[in-house]
Every structure is written in structure tokens, then in C-alpha cells.
Amino acid sequence: MRSLIQIIEARRWRPARWLSGVLSYGGALLAEGGDLPDPARFTRLLTDRLARSL
């Protein structure tokens, strides 16, 4: 079975949904005490999203 992150990354043609999915998945991993596969990437995506929302 493909992981959620693989499904999300396979559909990059919808950038807003892809980004929301990646951030939701990363947030869920952190909430459950898991480790992010690429913490620097997650942080960069999150801070970019937050900066654009201001």
C-alpha cells in the first residue's frame, strides 16, 4: 500500500492541495511523536506558508 505522502507527492499538479496535505501529514506525525522524514523541508514549507498568510 502506498503511503499518504507518496500519494500526495504524485499529485503535485495541485500545489495548494499538495502543500496542505504535506503539512497535515507532517503535523500528524509530530502530534503522534513520530519523526519527520525531512524536518528541514517541513519547516521551510510551513514557514513559507505562514509568511504568505500574513
PDB file of N, CA and C in Angstrom:
ATOM      1  N   MET A   1       0.846  -1.180   0.000  1.00  0.00           N
ATOM      2  CA  MET A   1       0.000   0.000   0.000  1.00  0.00           C
ATOM      3  C   MET A   1       0.888   1.239   0.000  1.00  0.00           C
ATOM      4  N   ARG A   2       0.523   2.189  -0.827  1.00  0.00           N
ATOM      5  CA  ARG A   2       1.297   3.427  -0.891  1.00  0.00           C
ATOM      6  C   ARG A   2       0.981   4.292   0.319  1.00  0.00           C
ATOM      7  N   SER A   3       1.999   4.987   0.787  1.00  0.00           N
ATOM      8  CA  SER A   3       1.789   5.878   1.925  1.00  0.00           C
ATOM      9  C   SER A   3       1.092   7.154   1.463  1.00  0.00           C
ATOM     10  N   LEU A   4       0.511   7.846   2.403  1.00  0.00           N
ATOM     11  CA  LEU A   4      -0.181   9.097   2.102  1.00  0.00           C
ATOM     12  C   LEU A   4       0.762  10.095   1.449  1.00  0.00           C
ATOM     13  N   ILE A   5       1.986  10.181   1.930  1.00  0.00           N
ATOM     14  CA  ILE A   5       2.929  11.152   1.379  1.00  0.00           C
ATOM     15  C   ILE A   5       3.249  10.827  -0.084  1.00  0.00           C
ATOM     16  N   GLN A   6       3.330   9.545  -0.454  1.00  0.00           N
ATOM     17  CA  GLN A   6       3.583   9.168  -1.837  1.00  0.00           C
ATOM     18  C   GLN A   6       2.402   9.564  -2.722  1.00  0.00           C
ATOM     19  N   ILE A   7       1.205   9.379  -2.227  1.00  0.00           N
ATOM     20  CA  ILE A   7       0.014   9.758  -2.990  1.00  0.00           C
ATOM     21  C   ILE A   7      -0.025  11.269  -3.177  1.00  0.00           C
ATOM     22  N   ILE A   8       0.264  12.006  -2.114  1.00  0.00           N
ATOM     23  CA  ILE A   8       0.251  13.466  -2.192  1.00  0.00           C
ATOM     24  C   ILE A   8       1.306  13.955  -3.170  1.00  0.00           C
ATOM     25  N   GLU A   9       2.514  13.417  -3.076  1.00  0.00           N
ATOM     26  CA  GLU A   9       3.592  13.867  -3.945  1.00  0.00           C
ATOM     27  C   GLU A   9       3.357  13.488  -5.403  1.00  0.00           C
ATOM     28  N   ALA A  10       2.608  12.433  -5.647  1.00  0.00           N
ATOM     29  CA  ALA A  10       2.305  12.030  -7.021  1.00  0.00           C
ATOM     30  C   ALA A  10       1.344  13.001  -7.698  1.00  0.00           C
ATOM     31  N   ARG A  11       0.677  13.833  -6.921  1.00  0.00           N
ATOM     32  CA  ARG A  11      -0.317  14.760  -7.463  1.00  0.00           C
ATOM     33  C   ARG A  11       0.106  16.211  -7.282  1.00  0.00           C
ATOM     34  N   ARG A  12       1.333  16.510  -7.583  1.00  0.00           N
ATOM     35  CA  ARG A  12       1.850  17.867  -7.409  1.00  0.00           C
ATOM     36  C   ARG A  12       1.221  18.889  -8.343  1.00  0.00           C
ATOM     37  N   TRP A  13       0.432  18.455  -9.266  1.00  0.00           N
ATOM     38  CA  TRP A  13      -0.195  19.391 -10.184  1.00  0.00           C
ATOM     39  C   TRP A  13      -1.233  20.265  -9.491  1.00  0.00           C
ATOM     40  N   ARG A  14      -1.544  19.986  -8.262  1.00  0.00           N
ATOM     41  CA  ARG A  14      -2.425  20.833  -7.457  1.00  0.00           C
ATOM     42  C   ARG A  14      -1.617  21.346  -6.266  1.00  0.00           C
ATOM     43  N   PRO A  15      -0.823  22.389  -6.476  1.00  0.00           N
ATOM     44  CA  PRO A  15       0.117  22.837  -5.447  1.00  0.00           C
ATOM     45  C   PRO A  15      -0.524  23.171  -4.105  1.00  0.00           C
ATOM     46  N   ALA A  16      -1.666  23.821  -4.090  1.00  0.00           N
ATOM     47  CA  ALA A  16      -2.273  24.201  -2.808  1.00  0.00           C
ATOM     48  C   ALA A  16      -2.704  22.972  -2.034  1.00  0.00           C
ATOM     49  N   ARG A  17      -3.315  22.025  -2.716  1.00  0.00           N
ATOM     50  CA  ARG A  17      -3.735  20.789  -2.033  1.00  0.00           C
ATOM     51  C   ARG A  17      -2.539  19.952  -1.625  1.00  0.00           C
ATOM     52  N   TRP A  18      -1.528  19.913  -2.494  1.00  0.00           N
ATOM     53  CA  TRP A  18      -0.327  19.151  -2.169  1.00  0.00           C
ATOM     54  C   TRP A  18       0.324  19.708  -0.908  1.00  0.00           C
ATOM     55  N   LEU A  19       0.458  21.032  -0.847  1.00  0.00           N
ATOM     56  CA  LEU A  19       1.091  21.654   0.311  1.00  0.00           C
ATOM     57  C   LEU A  19       0.277  21.419   1.575  1.00  0.00           C
ATOM     58  N   SER A  20      -1.022  21.547   1.483  1.00  0.00           N
ATOM     59  CA  SER A  20      -1.881  21.305   2.644  1.00  0.00           C
ATOM     60  C   SER A  20      -1.752  19.862   3.117  1.00  0.00           C
ATOM     61  N   GLY A  21      -1.691  18.953   2.175  1.00  0.00           N
ATOM     62  CA  GLY A  21      -1.543  17.543   2.534  1.00  0.00           C
ATOM     63  C   GLY A  21      -0.213  17.241   3.201  1.00  0.00           C
ATOM     64  N   VAL A  22       0.853  17.798   2.651  1.00  0.00           N
ATOM     65  CA  VAL A  22       2.190  17.579   3.227  1.00  0.00           C
ATOM     66  C   VAL A  22       2.259  18.152   4.642  1.00  0.00           C
ATOM     67  N   LEU A  23       1.712  19.350   4.824  1.00  0.00           N
ATOM     68  CA  LEU A  23       1.738  19.973   6.152  1.00  0.00           C
ATOM     69  C   LEU A  23       0.854  19.221   7.142  1.00  0.00           C
ATOM     70  N   SER A  24      -0.298  18.746   6.677  1.00  0.00           N
ATOM     71  CA  SER A  24      -1.185  17.970   7.552  1.00  0.00           C
ATOM     72  C   SER A  24      -0.532  16.657   7.961  1.00  0.00           C
ATOM     73  N   TYR A  25       0.082  15.995   6.998  1.00  0.00           N
ATOM     74  CA  TYR A  25       0.755  14.731   7.278  1.00  0.00           C
ATOM     75  C   TYR A  25       1.909  14.940   8.262  1.00  0.00           C
ATOM     76  N   GLY A  26       2.717  15.965   8.029  1.00  0.00           N
ATOM     77  CA  GLY A  26       3.822  16.263   8.937  1.00  0.00           C
ATOM     78  C   GLY A  26       3.342  16.621  10.327  1.00  0.00           C
ATOM     79  N   GLY A  27       2.271  17.413  10.396  1.00  0.00           N
ATOM     80  CA  GLY A  27       1.696  17.762  11.697  1.00  0.00           C
ATOM     81  C   GLY A  27       1.187  16.539  12.433  1.00  0.00           C
ATOM     82  N   ALA A  28       0.561  15.626  11.707  1.00  0.00           N
ATOM     83  CA  ALA A  28       0.056  14.394  12.328  1.00  0.00           C
ATOM     84  C   ALA A  28       1.211  13.534  12.842  1.00  0.00           C
ATOM     85  N   LEU A  29       2.274  13.447  12.054  1.00  0.00           N
ATOM     86  CA  LEU A  29       3.441  12.685  12.508  1.00  0.00           C
ATOM     87  C   LEU A  29       4.000  13.266  13.804  1.00  0.00           C
ATOM     88  N   LEU A  30       4.124  14.576  13.843  1.00  0.00           N
ATOM     89  CA  LEU A  30       4.663  15.229  15.039  1.00  0.00           C
ATOM     90  C   LEU A  30       3.726  15.063  16.234  1.00  0.00           C
ATOM     91  N   ALA A  31       2.429  15.174  16.000  1.00  0.00           N
ATOM     92  CA  ALA A  31       1.456  15.039  17.087  1.00  0.00           C
ATOM     93  C   ALA A  31       1.489  13.641  17.702  1.00  0.00           C
ATOM     94  N   GLU A  32       1.808  12.647  16.894  1.00  0.00           N
ATOM     95  CA  GLU A  32       1.870  11.270  17.383  1.00  0.00           C
ATOM     96  C   GLU A  32       3.254  10.894  17.910  1.00  0.00           C
ATOM     97  N   GLY A  33       4.173  11.866  17.924  1.00  0.00           N
ATOM     98  CA  GLY A  33       5.510  11.599  18.444  1.00  0.00           C
ATOM     99  C   GLY A  33       6.444  10.967  17.433  1.00  0.00           C
ATOM    100  N   GLY A  34       6.075  11.016  16.172  1.00  0.00           N
ATOM    101  CA  GLY A  34       6.908  10.432  15.124  1.00  0.00           C
ATOM    102  C   GLY A  34       7.998  11.378  14.662  1.00  0.00           C
ATOM    103  N   ASP A  35       8.823  10.881  13.779  1.00  0.00           N
ATOM    104  CA  ASP A  35       9.913  11.665  13.197  1.00  0.00           C
ATOM    105  C   ASP A  35       9.568  12.013  11.753  1.00  0.00           C
ATOM    106  N   LEU A  36       9.846  13.243  11.390  1.00  0.00           N
ATOM    107  CA  LEU A  36       9.642  13.667  10.009  1.00  0.00           C
ATOM    108  C   LEU A  36      10.755  13.111   9.141  1.00  0.00           C
ATOM    109  N   PRO A  37      10.426  12.668   7.922  1.00  0.00           N
ATOM    110  CA  PRO A  37      11.476  12.158   7.037  1.00  0.00           C
ATOM    111  C   PRO A  37      12.482  13.241   6.638  1.00  0.00           C
ATOM    112  N   ASP A  38      12.005  14.475   6.499  1.00  0.00           N
ATOM    113  CA  ASP A  38      12.877  15.598   6.127  1.00  0.00           C
ATOM    114  C   ASP A  38      12.430  16.833   6.924  1.00  0.00           C
ATOM    115  N   PRO A  39      12.906  16.973   8.170  1.00  0.00           N
ATOM    116  CA  PRO A  39      12.450  18.065   9.031  1.00  0.00           C
ATOM    117  C   PRO A  39      12.734  19.457   8.465  1.00  0.00           C
ATOM    118  N   ALA A  40      13.855  19.627   7.782  1.00  0.00           N
ATOM    119  CA  ALA A  40      14.191  20.939   7.223  1.00  0.00           C
ATOM    120  C   ALA A  40      13.191  21.324   6.135  1.00  0.00           C
ATOM    121  N   ARG A  41      12.817  20.380   5.314  1.00  0.00           N
ATOM    122  CA  ARG A  41      11.839  20.643   4.252  1.00  0.00           C
ATOM    123  C   ARG A  41      10.482  21.004   4.847  1.00  0.00           C
ATOM    124  N   PHE A  42      10.059  20.252   5.852  1.00  0.00           N
ATOM    125  CA  PHE A  42       8.780  20.534   6.503  1.00  0.00           C
ATOM    126  C   PHE A  42       8.783  21.937   7.104  1.00  0.00           C
ATOM    127  N   THR A  43       9.850  22.290   7.778  1.00  0.00           N
ATOM    128  CA  THR A  43       9.954  23.613   8.397  1.00  0.00           C
ATOM    129  C   THR A  43       9.931  24.712   7.347  1.00  0.00           C
ATOM    130  N   ARG A  44      10.650  24.516   6.259  1.00  0.00           N
ATOM    131  CA  ARG A  44      10.672  25.503   5.181  1.00  0.00           C
ATOM    132  C   ARG A  44       9.282  25.684   4.571  1.00  0.00           C
ATOM    133  N   LEU A  45       8.589  24.579   4.297  1.00  0.00           N
ATOM    134  CA  LEU A  45       7.238  24.660   3.726  1.00  0.00           C
ATOM    135  C   LEU A  45       6.269  25.348   4.679  1.00  0.00           C
ATOM    136  N   LEU A  46       6.365  25.016   5.949  1.00  0.00           N
ATOM    137  CA  LEU A  46       5.473  25.603   6.945  1.00  0.00           C
ATOM    138  C   LEU A  46       5.724  27.101   7.100  1.00  0.00           C
ATOM    139  N   THR A  47       6.982  27.501   7.205  1.00  0.00           N
ATOM    140  CA  THR A  47       7.263  28.929   7.381  1.00  0.00           C
ATOM    141  C   THR A  47       6.915  29.726   6.129  1.00  0.00           C
ATOM    142  N   ASP A  48       7.124  29.147   4.951  1.00  0.00           N
ATOM    143  CA  ASP A  48       6.719  29.817   3.711  1.00  0.00           C
ATOM    144  C   ASP A  48       5.210  30.015   3.672  1.00  0.00           C
ATOM    145  N   ARG A  49       4.478  28.998   4.067  1.00  0.00           N
ATOM    146  CA  ARG A  49       3.002  29.091   4.084  1.00  0.00           C
ATOM    147  C   ARG A  49       2.526  30.140   5.079  1.00  0.00           C
ATOM    148  N   LEU A  50       3.142  30.136   6.251  1.00  0.00           N
ATOM    149  CA  LEU A  50       2.766  31.124   7.273  1.00  0.00           C
ATOM    150  C   LEU A  50       3.107  32.543   6.826  1.00  0.00           C
ATOM    151  N   ALA A  51       4.253  32.728   6.200  1.00  0.00           N
ATOM    152  CA  ALA A  51       4.654  34.064   5.732  1.00  0.00           C
ATOM    153  C   ALA A  51       3.703  34.566   4.657  1.00  0.00           C
ATOM    154  N   ARG A  52       3.242  33.691   3.778  1.00  0.00           N
ATOM    155  CA  ARG A  52       2.308  34.118   2.735  1.00  0.00           C
ATOM    156  C   ARG A  52       0.929  34.457   3.286  1.00  0.00           C
ATOM    157  N   SER A  53       0.603  33.907   4.439  1.00  0.00           N
ATOM    158  CA  SER A  53      -0.730  34.164   5.008  1.00  0.00           C
ATOM    159  C   SER A  53      -0.797  35.478   5.797  1.00  0.00           C
ATOM    160  N   LEU A  54       0.351  36.081   6.074  1.00  0.00           N
ATOM    161  CA  LEU A  54       0.356  37.324   6.839  1.00  0.00           C
ATOM    162  C   LEU A  54       0.038  38.524   5.974  1.00  0.00           C
TER     163      LEU A  54
END
